[in-house]
Amino acid sequence: MPTFKTLDDLGDITGKVALVRVDLNLPMKDGSASDVTRVEAVKPTILELSEKGAKVLLLAHFGRPGGKRSSVLSTSMVVGDVEGVLGKELMFIPEVSGPVVEQSIGILRNGDIGVLDNTRFWPGETDNDPDFAKAIAAHGDFYVNDAFSAAHRAHATTEGITHFLPSYAGRAMERELKALDSALGNPEAPVAAVVGGAKVSTKLDVLKNLVGRVQHLIIGGGMANTFLAARGVDVGKSLCEHDLTDTASAIMDEADHAGCTVHLPYDVVVAKEFAANPPSVRTCNVHEVAADEMILDVGPQATEALGDVLKTCRTLVWNGPLGAFEIEPFDAATVALAKTAAALTQDGSLVSVAGGGDTVAALAHAGVTEDVTYVSTAGGAFLEWMEGKELPGVKALSA
């Protein structure tokens, strides 16, 4: 894992201006945030800097304004939600650089927190314009990145700014990088990966990277149907990318060559219609799927066998559900395997790291979010990390 400076490396920061990149891209409903998980994640960093006497300026994007100002995409929209989580009053600053920011810093007392406006109101953010990054950096004494979720973007406030200021990883970033390193960077073997979701096409790079790094690759969701079809199984009217069966075969050959066992379901839960508890639902062997049926979950026998696989492993990386978990009874396999992983983690025999939007929702649905080692809410950045890509925002922090 690359070495990087953390808040522990900061000296006396009383009266210093901390520019802190956070993720405030919150889901909104009726004018307020419907989920403040991302704010909870950065709360320790913000409060630690505040309590040590720094003037804290938060940098964040909100939505995709495309380099133009938009009142509904101003970070002022989420200031109230952030105040609620932090338990502190914040100053909203409607710029990211220039005289208004300078004057605001003069008004802030040591320990106060300000929120700068949406960094993406300026095209220089997504262009990673060095002049834009330098203009923002001019207001700070040091920079902290606590937004792993934006680390796969080489933007001015994630990468460019690090060329102009001493840069540190915040507590959430530090925790994320350590968890990811324990899962794929320097894991304890045997390692299992669960990769689910609808389409092979969206996870091709993930699968190609994993076959050379894990001992067990468990494939679920709609993408398992493409792999089953590649093995000559008739999957009926299941979601299946038939044009990618050759690719699936190549991945399985690669896995075989690398000593990685690919696990596909041998019994499945099928139905004729995609609806909650449909009358046509039944469990069958994968070779017994009728032409008018679709595979919607892994069957109970295969699920139990997958649980036995996890019991032989020391590390688990999970991205994507095993079935259509949002509709009962097609959540059964995901819930059962998640509970097995959680129990093994609690016993101390498994390090379990999970990430991606659907995965976070699936673990919450199974009631085990608190029982796995680490849950990443990063989405795209987590996926790119699973693909083995170097993340610009992380590389920029490397000491």
Foldseek 3Di string as FASTA:
>chain_A
DFDFAAPVPDDQQAAFEEEEEFEPQAPDDPLEGPDCVRLLLQLVQLQVQLVSFYEYEYAYAYDAPQQADDPVRWCVSYQVVSCVNNVDHEAEQAAQADDSLVVVSVVDGGSHYYYYIHPNNHVQFQVLPLVSLQRNLVRGAAYEYAYLLCLQGNTSNQFSNLVPHQYHYYPSRVLVVVLLCCFFVPHDDQEEEEAEDADCVVQVLLLQLVLQGHQEYEYAYNDLVLCVVLVVFDQAPARYDVVCSVVSVVSCVSSVVNNHHYQHAQKFWKALDPAAPDPRIDIDGSNPHDNSIHGFAGDPVSLVVVLVVVVVTAEYEYEHARGPLVGPPRLVSRLSSLVSQLVCVQVVRYAYEYEADRNCVSNVVSVRCVRHNYYDDSHPSVSVVSSVDDGSSVVSRRD
